[in-house]
Amino acid sequence: MSPDAILILSGGAISYERDGQTQWRSTTYDESDAFGALGGRDRVEAVALLAKEYPGAYLITTSHRLGRAVPSLAQVYADELQRFGIESGRIVQEERSSTTQTAIDAALQLAQEKGWKYLLFVSSGYHLPRIEAFYAQTKSDIAATTVSSESVLIQNDPAFAKYFENVKKTPAYQKRLASEARGVEAIRSGSYRSAPTEDKKERLAL
């Protein structure tokens, strides 16, 4: 069954200077926030590959503005998808959400508005259990499944598997796994609280 839309969960963005101008890009596994490694760039690359596999699917990029006079995360990821050759008409920029939970809620609302029946959520493997826990709580009649960006990239290029094995050994990745496990448990117990914005600021992984 082909998805009507593919949702890419944001993994943050990093600013850099080029020709005297501030630019923005998705994060790599070498960058983290207070909870550990990020890896947003791999999500973009995976969705670009899935876009070719499912040419009829819309692509939803998510999340809010990074601050005044700077782009939203949804725009940063949409721009990168276009650089991979994805037509802008296929991309839906969802800029209301600010968390995983609100991104899922916004995607389901979009699906209702547009008559979509099946969604595919794409994110890093460490993130999928939390996505699935939030989705289960919605009790939505819109079908949705998850796929890890790593599995998509490995299928496309088996050489990526070795790279990712090394990533998983890093302290920043192990820190992320532990944080995600705590988050899933909090969702299930009803005690989940979204982290402060300050903790989500991207930085070099330690």
N, C-alpha and C. Protein backbone atom coordinates (compact mmCIF):
# COMPACT_ATOMS: atom_id res chain seq x y z
N MET A 1 0.85 -1.20 0.00
CA MET A 1 0.00 0.00 0.00
C MET A 1 0.88 1.25 0.00
N SER A 2 0.67 2.13 -0.94
CA SER A 2 1.48 3.35 -1.04
C SER A 2 0.91 4.44 -0.14
N PRO A 3 1.78 5.18 0.55
CA PRO A 3 1.28 6.25 1.41
C PRO A 3 0.75 7.43 0.60
N ASP A 4 -0.25 8.10 1.15
CA ASP A 4 -0.73 9.34 0.55
C ASP A 4 0.23 10.48 0.84
N ALA A 5 0.88 10.41 2.01
CA ALA A 5 1.83 11.46 2.40
C ALA A 5 2.92 10.86 3.28
N ILE A 6 4.10 11.42 3.16
CA ILE A 6 5.26 10.99 3.95
C ILE A 6 5.66 12.17 4.84
N LEU A 7 5.65 11.93 6.14
CA LEU A 7 5.96 12.99 7.10
C LEU A 7 7.41 12.85 7.56
N ILE A 8 8.19 13.90 7.43
CA ILE A 8 9.56 13.90 7.93
C ILE A 8 9.60 14.68 9.23
N LEU A 9 9.91 14.00 10.31
CA LEU A 9 10.02 14.65 11.62
C LEU A 9 11.33 15.43 11.69
N SER A 10 11.26 16.65 12.13
CA SER A 10 12.45 17.51 12.19
C SER A 10 13.47 16.99 13.20
N GLY A 11 14.74 17.10 12.82
CA GLY A 11 15.84 16.78 13.73
C GLY A 11 16.69 17.99 14.00
N GLY A 12 16.07 19.17 13.98
CA GLY A 12 16.80 20.40 14.26
C GLY A 12 17.55 20.94 13.05
N ALA A 13 18.13 22.12 13.22
CA ALA A 13 18.89 22.77 12.16
C ALA A 13 20.03 23.57 12.75
N ILE A 14 21.07 23.74 11.95
CA ILE A 14 22.29 24.44 12.35
C ILE A 14 22.55 25.59 11.38
N SER A 15 22.96 26.73 11.89
CA SER A 15 23.30 27.86 11.02
C SER A 15 24.77 27.81 10.64
N TYR A 16 25.09 28.38 9.48
CA TYR A 16 26.48 28.50 9.03
C TYR A 16 26.57 29.70 8.11
N GLU A 17 27.79 30.17 7.90
CA GLU A 17 28.00 31.35 7.06
C GLU A 17 28.49 30.94 5.67
N ARG A 18 27.89 31.55 4.64
CA ARG A 18 28.34 31.33 3.27
C ARG A 18 28.21 32.64 2.50
N ASP A 19 29.31 33.09 1.96
CA ASP A 19 29.34 34.35 1.21
C ASP A 19 28.81 35.50 2.04
N GLY A 20 29.15 35.49 3.32
CA GLY A 20 28.74 36.57 4.21
C GLY A 20 27.30 36.52 4.64
N GLN A 21 26.58 35.45 4.30
CA GLN A 21 25.17 35.32 4.66
C GLN A 21 24.96 34.12 5.57
N THR A 22 24.05 34.26 6.51
CA THR A 22 23.71 33.15 7.39
C THR A 22 22.78 32.18 6.67
N GLN A 23 23.18 30.92 6.61
CA GLN A 23 22.38 29.87 5.99
C GLN A 23 22.00 28.84 7.06
N TRP A 24 21.06 27.97 6.72
CA TRP A 24 20.62 26.94 7.66
C TRP A 24 20.61 25.59 6.98
N ARG A 25 20.93 24.55 7.74
CA ARG A 25 20.92 23.19 7.21
C ARG A 25 20.46 22.23 8.31
N SER A 26 20.02 21.04 7.91
CA SER A 26 19.64 20.01 8.87
C SER A 26 20.89 19.48 9.60
N THR A 27 20.68 18.87 10.74
CA THR A 27 21.79 18.41 11.58
C THR A 27 22.34 17.06 11.12
N THR A 28 23.56 16.78 11.52
CA THR A 28 24.17 15.47 11.31
C THR A 28 24.24 14.75 12.65
N TYR A 29 24.77 13.54 12.66
CA TYR A 29 24.95 12.82 13.93
C TYR A 29 26.08 13.42 14.76
N ASP A 30 26.86 14.30 14.18
CA ASP A 30 27.92 14.97 14.94
C ASP A 30 27.39 16.13 15.75
N GLU A 31 26.11 16.42 15.62
CA GLU A 31 25.48 17.50 16.36
C GLU A 31 24.39 16.94 17.26
N SER A 32 24.13 17.62 18.36
CA SER A 32 23.19 17.12 19.35
C SER A 32 22.46 18.26 20.02
N ASP A 33 21.50 17.91 20.87
CA ASP A 33 20.91 18.87 21.79
C ASP A 33 21.14 18.32 23.19
N ALA A 34 20.41 18.80 24.18
CA ALA A 34 20.66 18.36 25.55
C ALA A 34 20.38 16.88 25.76
N PHE A 35 19.70 16.25 24.81
CA PHE A 35 19.31 14.86 24.97
C PHE A 35 20.14 13.88 24.15
N GLY A 36 21.10 14.41 23.38
CA GLY A 36 21.96 13.52 22.62
C GLY A 36 21.95 13.78 21.12
N ALA A 37 22.48 12.83 20.35
CA ALA A 37 22.67 12.98 18.91
C ALA A 37 21.36 13.24 18.18
N LEU A 38 21.46 13.92 17.02
CA LEU A 38 20.27 14.30 16.26
C LEU A 38 20.15 13.53 14.95
N GLY A 39 20.85 13.93 13.90
CA GLY A 39 20.81 13.18 12.65
C GLY A 39 19.71 13.56 11.69
N GLY A 40 19.34 14.84 11.66
CA GLY A 40 18.27 15.27 10.76
C GLY A 40 18.58 15.11 9.29
N ARG A 41 19.83 15.27 8.91
CA ARG A 41 20.20 15.18 7.51
C ARG A 41 19.86 13.81 6.92
N ASP A 42 20.06 12.76 7.69
CA ASP A 42 19.74 11.43 7.20
C ASP A 42 18.25 11.27 6.91
N ARG A 43 17.43 11.97 7.67
CA ARG A 43 15.98 11.92 7.45
C ARG A 43 15.63 12.56 6.10
N VAL A 44 16.29 13.66 5.80
CA VAL A 44 16.05 14.33 4.51
C VAL A 44 16.45 13.41 3.36
N GLU A 45 17.63 12.82 3.46
CA GLU A 45 18.10 11.94 2.39
C GLU A 45 17.18 10.73 2.23
N ALA A 46 16.70 10.18 3.34
CA ALA A 46 15.81 9.03 3.28
C ALA A 46 14.48 9.39 2.61
N VAL A 47 13.93 10.54 2.97
CA VAL A 47 12.66 10.95 2.39
C VAL A 47 12.82 11.25 0.89
N ALA A 48 13.95 11.79 0.50
CA ALA A 48 14.20 12.02 -0.93
C ALA A 48 14.18 10.70 -1.69
N LEU A 49 14.72 9.65 -1.09
CA LEU A 49 14.69 8.32 -1.72
C LEU A 49 13.27 7.76 -1.75
N LEU A 50 12.53 7.92 -0.65
CA LEU A 50 11.16 7.42 -0.59
C LEU A 50 10.26 8.17 -1.56
N ALA A 51 10.58 9.43 -1.80
CA ALA A 51 9.79 10.22 -2.74
C ALA A 51 9.85 9.62 -4.15
N LYS A 52 10.99 9.04 -4.49
CA LYS A 52 11.13 8.38 -5.79
C LYS A 52 10.40 7.03 -5.80
N GLU A 53 10.42 6.35 -4.65
CA GLU A 53 9.74 5.07 -4.55
C GLU A 53 8.22 5.22 -4.60
N TYR A 54 7.74 6.34 -4.02
CA TYR A 54 6.29 6.61 -3.98
C TYR A 54 6.02 7.96 -4.65
N PRO A 55 6.05 8.00 -5.96
CA PRO A 55 5.95 9.28 -6.69
C PRO A 55 4.62 9.99 -6.51
N GLY A 56 3.60 9.30 -6.03
CA GLY A 56 2.30 9.93 -5.83
C GLY A 56 2.10 10.53 -4.45
N ALA A 57 3.07 10.35 -3.57
CA ALA A 57 2.93 10.81 -2.18
C ALA A 57 3.35 12.26 -2.02
N TYR A 58 2.62 12.98 -1.17
CA TYR A 58 3.04 14.30 -0.75
C TYR A 58 4.09 14.14 0.36
N LEU A 59 4.92 15.16 0.52
CA LEU A 59 5.96 15.14 1.54
C LEU A 59 5.68 16.28 2.52
N ILE A 60 5.55 15.95 3.79
CA ILE A 60 5.25 16.96 4.81
C ILE A 60 6.49 17.24 5.63
N THR A 61 6.95 18.48 5.60
CA THR A 61 8.04 18.89 6.49
C THR A 61 7.41 19.63 7.67
N THR A 62 8.04 19.51 8.84
CA THR A 62 7.37 19.96 10.06
C THR A 62 8.19 20.94 10.88
N SER A 63 7.48 21.66 11.71
CA SER A 63 7.99 22.43 12.83
C SER A 63 8.14 23.93 12.57
N HIS A 64 8.25 24.61 13.67
CA HIS A 64 8.09 26.05 13.79
C HIS A 64 9.31 26.85 13.34
N ARG A 65 9.19 28.17 13.49
CA ARG A 65 10.29 29.07 13.14
C ARG A 65 11.39 28.97 14.19
N LEU A 66 12.62 29.17 13.75
CA LEU A 66 13.77 29.08 14.64
C LEU A 66 13.97 30.37 15.44
N GLY A 67 13.31 31.44 15.04
CA GLY A 67 13.45 32.72 15.72
C GLY A 67 13.05 33.82 14.77
N ARG A 68 13.21 35.04 15.18
CA ARG A 68 12.85 36.16 14.33
C ARG A 68 13.77 36.23 13.11
N ALA A 69 13.17 36.51 11.97
CA ALA A 69 13.91 36.73 10.72
C ALA A 69 14.74 35.53 10.28
N VAL A 70 14.39 34.34 10.73
CA VAL A 70 15.07 33.13 10.27
C VAL A 70 14.00 32.12 9.86
N PRO A 71 14.36 31.13 9.05
CA PRO A 71 13.35 30.23 8.50
C PRO A 71 12.80 29.25 9.54
N SER A 72 11.67 28.67 9.22
CA SER A 72 11.14 27.58 10.04
C SER A 72 11.93 26.32 9.73
N LEU A 73 11.88 25.36 10.65
CA LEU A 73 12.49 24.07 10.39
C LEU A 73 11.83 23.40 9.18
N ALA A 74 10.52 23.58 9.06
CA ALA A 74 9.81 23.02 7.90
C ALA A 74 10.39 23.57 6.60
N GLN A 75 10.72 24.84 6.58
CA GLN A 75 11.28 25.44 5.36
C GLN A 75 12.69 24.94 5.09
N VAL A 76 13.50 24.82 6.15
CA VAL A 76 14.88 24.32 5.98
C VAL A 76 14.85 22.94 5.34
N TYR A 77 13.99 22.07 5.84
CA TYR A 77 13.93 20.70 5.33
C TYR A 77 13.30 20.65 3.94
N ALA A 78 12.32 21.52 3.69
CA ALA A 78 11.72 21.59 2.36
C ALA A 78 12.74 22.04 1.33
N ASP A 79 13.54 23.03 1.68
CA ASP A 79 14.58 23.52 0.77
C ASP A 79 15.58 22.42 0.44
N GLU A 80 15.94 21.62 1.44
CA GLU A 80 16.90 20.54 1.20
C GLU A 80 16.29 19.46 0.31
N LEU A 81 15.03 19.16 0.50
CA LEU A 81 14.37 18.18 -0.36
C LEU A 81 14.37 18.66 -1.80
N GLN A 82 14.14 19.95 -2.00
CA GLN A 82 14.16 20.48 -3.36
C GLN A 82 15.55 20.37 -3.97
N ARG A 83 16.58 20.53 -3.15
CA ARG A 83 17.94 20.38 -3.68
C ARG A 83 18.23 18.93 -4.08
N PHE A 84 17.45 18.00 -3.55
CA PHE A 84 17.55 16.61 -3.97
C PHE A 84 16.69 16.33 -5.21
N GLY A 85 16.08 17.37 -5.74
CA GLY A 85 15.31 17.22 -6.97
C GLY A 85 13.83 17.00 -6.79
N ILE A 86 13.32 17.18 -5.56
CA ILE A 86 11.89 17.00 -5.32
C ILE A 86 11.14 18.27 -5.74
N GLU A 87 10.07 18.10 -6.51
CA GLU A 87 9.29 19.25 -6.96
C GLU A 87 8.60 19.93 -5.79
N SER A 88 8.63 21.27 -5.79
CA SER A 88 8.06 22.03 -4.67
C SER A 88 6.58 21.74 -4.50
N GLY A 89 5.87 21.42 -5.59
CA GLY A 89 4.44 21.16 -5.51
C GLY A 89 4.08 19.93 -4.71
N ARG A 90 5.05 19.05 -4.47
CA ARG A 90 4.79 17.84 -3.68
C ARG A 90 5.01 18.08 -2.19
N ILE A 91 5.62 19.20 -1.85
CA ILE A 91 6.03 19.44 -0.46
C ILE A 91 5.00 20.32 0.26
N VAL A 92 4.57 19.87 1.42
CA VAL A 92 3.67 20.63 2.28
C VAL A 92 4.45 21.05 3.52
N GLN A 93 4.58 22.35 3.74
CA GLN A 93 5.31 22.85 4.91
C GLN A 93 4.33 23.08 6.06
N GLU A 94 4.46 22.26 7.09
CA GLU A 94 3.60 22.37 8.27
C GLU A 94 4.39 23.11 9.35
N GLU A 95 4.03 24.35 9.62
CA GLU A 95 4.84 25.22 10.47
C GLU A 95 4.18 25.55 11.80
N ARG A 96 3.11 24.87 12.15
CA ARG A 96 2.44 25.16 13.42
C ARG A 96 3.02 24.35 14.56
N SER A 97 3.53 23.16 14.28
CA SER A 97 3.99 22.27 15.34
C SER A 97 5.33 22.72 15.91
N SER A 98 5.61 22.25 17.12
CA SER A 98 6.89 22.57 17.77
C SER A 98 7.47 21.37 18.50
N THR A 99 6.74 20.26 18.52
CA THR A 99 7.18 19.05 19.20
C THR A 99 6.79 17.84 18.35
N THR A 100 7.31 16.66 18.73
CA THR A 100 6.90 15.44 18.05
C THR A 100 5.40 15.23 18.15
N GLN A 101 4.85 15.42 19.33
CA GLN A 101 3.42 15.22 19.53
C GLN A 101 2.58 16.15 18.67
N THR A 102 2.93 17.43 18.65
CA THR A 102 2.13 18.38 17.86
C THR A 102 2.33 18.17 16.37
N ALA A 103 3.50 17.67 15.95
CA ALA A 103 3.72 17.36 14.53
C ALA A 103 2.81 16.22 14.08
N ILE A 104 2.67 15.20 14.92
CA ILE A 104 1.79 14.09 14.60
C ILE A 104 0.34 14.56 14.54
N ASP A 105 -0.06 15.35 15.52
CA ASP A 105 -1.43 15.87 15.54
C ASP A 105 -1.70 16.70 14.29
N ALA A 106 -0.74 17.55 13.91
CA ALA A 106 -0.92 18.40 12.73
C ALA A 106 -0.99 17.57 11.45
N ALA A 107 -0.20 16.51 11.37
CA ALA A 107 -0.23 15.63 10.20
C ALA A 107 -1.58 14.94 10.07
N LEU A 108 -2.12 14.48 11.18
CA LEU A 108 -3.42 13.82 11.15
C LEU A 108 -4.54 14.80 10.78
N GLN A 109 -4.40 16.04 11.22
CA GLN A 109 -5.39 17.05 10.85
C GLN A 109 -5.31 17.34 9.35
N LEU A 110 -4.09 17.45 8.83
CA LEU A 110 -3.91 17.65 7.39
C LEU A 110 -4.53 16.49 6.61
N ALA A 111 -4.30 15.28 7.10
CA ALA A 111 -4.83 14.10 6.42
C ALA A 111 -6.36 14.15 6.36
N GLN A 112 -6.97 14.57 7.45
CA GLN A 112 -8.43 14.69 7.46
C GLN A 112 -8.91 15.73 6.46
N GLU A 113 -8.19 16.87 6.42
CA GLU A 113 -8.59 17.95 5.52
C GLU A 113 -8.46 17.55 4.05
N LYS A 114 -7.43 16.75 3.74
CA LYS A 114 -7.13 16.42 2.35
C LYS A 114 -7.63 15.04 1.93
N GLY A 115 -8.23 14.33 2.86
CA GLY A 115 -8.77 13.02 2.53
C GLY A 115 -7.72 11.93 2.41
N TRP A 116 -6.56 12.12 3.03
CA TRP A 116 -5.52 11.09 3.01
C TRP A 116 -5.91 9.97 3.96
N LYS A 117 -5.61 8.75 3.56
CA LYS A 117 -5.97 7.58 4.37
C LYS A 117 -4.77 6.89 5.01
N TYR A 118 -3.58 7.13 4.46
CA TYR A 118 -2.41 6.40 4.94
C TYR A 118 -1.18 7.31 4.96
N LEU A 119 -0.55 7.42 6.13
CA LEU A 119 0.63 8.25 6.33
C LEU A 119 1.84 7.38 6.65
N LEU A 120 3.00 7.84 6.22
CA LEU A 120 4.26 7.19 6.57
C LEU A 120 5.11 8.21 7.32
N PHE A 121 5.45 7.91 8.58
CA PHE A 121 6.28 8.78 9.40
C PHE A 121 7.74 8.34 9.27
N VAL A 122 8.62 9.28 8.96
CA VAL A 122 10.04 8.98 8.79
C VAL A 122 10.85 9.77 9.81
N SER A 123 11.70 9.06 10.53
CA SER A 123 12.61 9.72 11.47
C SER A 123 13.77 8.77 11.77
N SER A 124 14.67 9.23 12.61
CA SER A 124 15.77 8.37 13.04
C SER A 124 15.22 7.20 13.85
N GLY A 125 15.89 6.06 13.80
CA GLY A 125 15.41 4.87 14.48
C GLY A 125 15.16 5.08 15.95
N TYR A 126 16.01 5.87 16.61
CA TYR A 126 15.85 6.09 18.05
C TYR A 126 14.54 6.80 18.37
N HIS A 127 13.99 7.53 17.39
CA HIS A 127 12.82 8.38 17.59
C HIS A 127 11.50 7.63 17.38
N LEU A 128 11.53 6.51 16.66
CA LEU A 128 10.31 5.84 16.25
C LEU A 128 9.43 5.36 17.41
N PRO A 129 9.99 4.77 18.49
CA PRO A 129 9.11 4.33 19.58
C PRO A 129 8.28 5.48 20.18
N ARG A 130 8.86 6.67 20.25
CA ARG A 130 8.11 7.80 20.81
C ARG A 130 7.02 8.26 19.83
N ILE A 131 7.34 8.26 18.54
CA ILE A 131 6.34 8.60 17.53
C ILE A 131 5.17 7.62 17.62
N GLU A 132 5.49 6.34 17.69
CA GLU A 132 4.45 5.31 17.74
C GLU A 132 3.60 5.43 19.00
N ALA A 133 4.23 5.80 20.12
CA ALA A 133 3.48 5.95 21.37
C ALA A 133 2.51 7.13 21.28
N PHE A 134 2.98 8.24 20.72
CA PHE A 134 2.09 9.40 20.55
C PHE A 134 0.95 9.09 19.58
N TYR A 135 1.28 8.43 18.47
CA TYR A 135 0.25 8.10 17.48
C TYR A 135 -0.80 7.18 18.09
N ALA A 136 -0.37 6.20 18.88
CA ALA A 136 -1.32 5.28 19.51
C ALA A 136 -2.32 6.03 20.39
N GLN A 137 -1.85 7.08 21.05
CA GLN A 137 -2.72 7.84 21.93
C GLN A 137 -3.81 8.60 21.17
N THR A 138 -3.56 8.91 19.89
CA THR A 138 -4.54 9.67 19.12
C THR A 138 -5.78 8.84 18.79
N LYS A 139 -5.60 7.51 18.75
CA LYS A 139 -6.68 6.60 18.37
C LYS A 139 -7.31 7.00 17.03
N SER A 140 -6.47 7.51 16.14
CA SER A 140 -6.93 8.00 14.85
C SER A 140 -7.35 6.84 13.94
N ASP A 141 -8.35 7.10 13.08
CA ASP A 141 -8.73 6.09 12.10
C ASP A 141 -7.93 6.25 10.80
N ILE A 142 -6.99 7.19 10.79
CA ILE A 142 -6.08 7.34 9.66
C ILE A 142 -4.90 6.41 9.89
N ALA A 143 -4.65 5.52 8.96
CA ALA A 143 -3.57 4.54 9.11
C ALA A 143 -2.21 5.23 9.02
N ALA A 144 -1.28 4.75 9.81
CA ALA A 144 0.08 5.31 9.77
C ALA A 144 1.09 4.24 10.17
N THR A 145 2.21 4.25 9.53
CA THR A 145 3.33 3.38 9.91
C THR A 145 4.58 4.23 9.99
N THR A 146 5.63 3.67 10.59
CA THR A 146 6.90 4.37 10.73
C THR A 146 7.99 3.61 10.00
N VAL A 147 9.00 4.35 9.58
CA VAL A 147 10.20 3.73 9.00
C VAL A 147 11.40 4.58 9.41
N SER A 148 12.50 3.92 9.73
CA SER A 148 13.70 4.65 10.13
C SER A 148 14.47 5.14 8.92
N SER A 149 15.03 6.32 9.05
CA SER A 149 15.86 6.86 7.97
C SER A 149 17.05 5.95 7.71
N GLU A 150 17.59 5.35 8.79
CA GLU A 150 18.75 4.48 8.64
C GLU A 150 18.44 3.27 7.75
N SER A 151 17.27 2.66 7.96
CA SER A 151 16.93 1.47 7.17
C SER A 151 16.76 1.81 5.69
N VAL A 152 16.22 2.98 5.42
CA VAL A 152 16.05 3.41 4.03
C VAL A 152 17.42 3.63 3.38
N LEU A 153 18.31 4.28 4.11
CA LEU A 153 19.63 4.56 3.56
C LEU A 153 20.45 3.29 3.38
N ILE A 154 20.34 2.36 4.31
CA ILE A 154 21.07 1.09 4.19
C ILE A 154 20.56 0.29 3.01
N GLN A 155 19.27 0.30 2.80
CA GLN A 155 18.71 -0.42 1.66
C GLN A 155 19.23 0.16 0.35
N ASN A 156 19.38 1.48 0.32
CA ASN A 156 19.88 2.14 -0.88
C ASN A 156 21.37 1.94 -1.07
N ASP A 157 22.13 1.93 0.06
CA ASP A 157 23.58 1.79 0.01
C ASP A 157 24.04 1.03 1.25
N PRO A 158 24.29 -0.27 1.12
CA PRO A 158 24.68 -1.09 2.27
C PRO A 158 25.92 -0.58 3.01
N ALA A 159 26.73 0.24 2.36
CA ALA A 159 27.93 0.78 3.02
C ALA A 159 27.56 1.68 4.20
N PHE A 160 26.35 2.21 4.19
CA PHE A 160 25.92 3.08 5.29
C PHE A 160 25.82 2.31 6.60
N ALA A 161 25.62 1.00 6.53
CA ALA A 161 25.45 0.20 7.75
C ALA A 161 26.67 0.31 8.66
N LYS A 162 27.87 0.27 8.09
CA LYS A 162 29.09 0.37 8.88
C LYS A 162 29.20 1.73 9.54
N TYR A 163 28.88 2.77 8.77
CA TYR A 163 28.91 4.13 9.33
C TYR A 163 27.97 4.23 10.52
N PHE A 164 26.76 3.69 10.37
CA PHE A 164 25.79 3.82 11.43
C PHE A 164 26.16 2.98 12.64
N GLU A 165 26.80 1.85 12.45
CA GLU A 165 27.27 1.06 13.57
C GLU A 165 28.23 1.87 14.43
N ASN A 166 29.06 2.67 13.80
CA ASN A 166 29.99 3.52 14.53
C ASN A 166 29.25 4.65 15.25
N VAL A 167 28.22 5.20 14.60
CA VAL A 167 27.43 6.24 15.24
C VAL A 167 26.79 5.73 16.52
N LYS A 168 26.25 4.52 16.49
CA LYS A 168 25.55 3.96 17.65
C LYS A 168 26.46 3.75 18.86
N LYS A 169 27.76 3.70 18.64
CA LYS A 169 28.71 3.50 19.73
C LYS A 169 29.08 4.80 20.44
N THR A 170 28.69 5.93 19.88
CA THR A 170 29.11 7.21 20.45
C THR A 170 28.33 7.53 21.72
N PRO A 171 28.95 8.23 22.67
CA PRO A 171 28.23 8.63 23.88
C PRO A 171 26.98 9.45 23.58
N ALA A 172 27.05 10.32 22.57
CA ALA A 172 25.90 11.17 22.24
C ALA A 172 24.71 10.34 21.77
N TYR A 173 24.96 9.28 21.03
CA TYR A 173 23.86 8.43 20.56
C TYR A 173 23.29 7.61 21.72
N GLN A 174 24.16 7.08 22.56
CA GLN A 174 23.69 6.32 23.71
C GLN A 174 22.88 7.21 24.66
N LYS A 175 23.29 8.45 24.78
CA LYS A 175 22.54 9.40 25.61
C LYS A 175 21.14 9.61 25.02
N ARG A 176 21.06 9.70 23.70
CA ARG A 176 19.76 9.87 23.04
C ARG A 176 18.86 8.65 23.26
N LEU A 177 19.42 7.47 23.14
CA LEU A 177 18.63 6.26 23.35
C LEU A 177 18.03 6.23 24.76
N ALA A 178 18.83 6.58 25.73
CA ALA A 178 18.35 6.58 27.12
C ALA A 178 17.25 7.62 27.31
N SER A 179 17.43 8.79 26.71
CA SER A 179 16.44 9.85 26.82
C SER A 179 15.12 9.45 26.17
N GLU A 180 15.21 8.84 24.99
CA GLU A 180 14.00 8.42 24.29
C GLU A 180 13.25 7.34 25.08
N ALA A 181 13.99 6.42 25.69
CA ALA A 181 13.36 5.38 26.49
C ALA A 181 12.59 5.99 27.66
N ARG A 182 13.18 7.00 28.30
CA ARG A 182 12.47 7.68 29.39
C ARG A 182 11.22 8.38 28.88
N GLY A 183 11.33 8.98 27.69
CA GLY A 183 10.19 9.67 27.10
C GLY A 183 9.03 8.73 26.81
N VAL A 184 9.32 7.57 26.24
CA VAL A 184 8.28 6.60 25.93
C VAL A 184 7.59 6.13 27.21
N GLU A 185 8.36 5.87 28.24
CA GLU A 185 7.78 5.43 29.51
C GLU A 185 6.89 6.53 30.10
N ALA A 186 7.31 7.79 29.97
CA ALA A 186 6.51 8.89 30.48
C ALA A 186 5.20 9.04 29.71
N ILE A 187 5.24 8.83 28.39
CA ILE A 187 4.02 8.88 27.59
C ILE A 187 3.04 7.82 28.07
N ARG A 188 3.53 6.62 28.27
CA ARG A 188 2.67 5.50 28.67
C ARG A 188 2.10 5.68 30.07
N SER A 189 2.86 6.36 30.93
CA SER A 189 2.39 6.56 32.30
C SER A 189 1.55 7.83 32.46
N GLY A 190 1.50 8.64 31.40
CA GLY A 190 0.73 9.88 31.45
C GLY A 190 1.46 11.04 32.09
N SER A 191 2.77 10.91 32.29
CA SER A 191 3.53 11.98 32.95
C SER A 191 4.43 12.75 31.99
N TYR A 192 4.26 12.56 30.70
CA TYR A 192 5.16 13.19 29.71
C TYR A 192 4.98 14.70 29.69
N ARG A 193 6.11 15.42 29.65
CA ARG A 193 6.12 16.86 29.50
C ARG A 193 7.17 17.21 28.45
N SER A 194 6.81 18.09 27.53
CA SER A 194 7.76 18.49 26.50
C SER A 194 8.93 19.25 27.12
N ALA A 195 10.11 19.08 26.56
CA ALA A 195 11.32 19.71 27.10
C ALA A 195 11.34 21.21 26.81
N PRO A 196 12.02 21.99 27.65
CA PRO A 196 12.16 23.42 27.39
C PRO A 196 12.88 23.66 26.07
N THR A 197 12.55 24.76 25.41
CA THR A 197 13.17 25.10 24.13
C THR A 197 14.69 25.18 24.24
N GLU A 198 15.17 25.70 25.35
CA GLU A 198 16.62 25.86 25.53
C GLU A 198 17.33 24.51 25.42
N ASP A 199 16.72 23.45 25.92
CA ASP A 199 17.35 22.14 25.88
C ASP A 199 17.39 21.55 24.45
N LYS A 200 16.57 22.09 23.57
CA LYS A 200 16.50 21.59 22.21
C LYS A 200 17.46 22.30 21.26
N LYS A 201 18.19 23.27 21.78
CA LYS A 201 19.13 23.99 20.92
C LYS A 201 20.25 23.06 20.47
N GLU A 202 20.56 23.12 19.18
CA GLU A 202 21.54 22.22 18.60
C GLU A 202 22.96 22.69 18.91
N ARG A 203 23.86 21.72 19.04
CA ARG A 203 25.26 22.01 19.33
C ARG A 203 26.08 20.82 18.86
N LEU A 204 27.40 20.94 18.92
CA LEU A 204 28.25 19.81 18.58
C LEU A 204 28.06 18.70 19.59
N ALA A 205 28.00 17.48 19.12
CA ALA A 205 27.84 16.35 20.01
C ALA A 205 29.07 16.19 20.89
N LEU A 206 28.84 15.76 22.12
CA LEU A 206 29.96 15.58 23.06
C LEU A 206 30.42 14.13 23.08
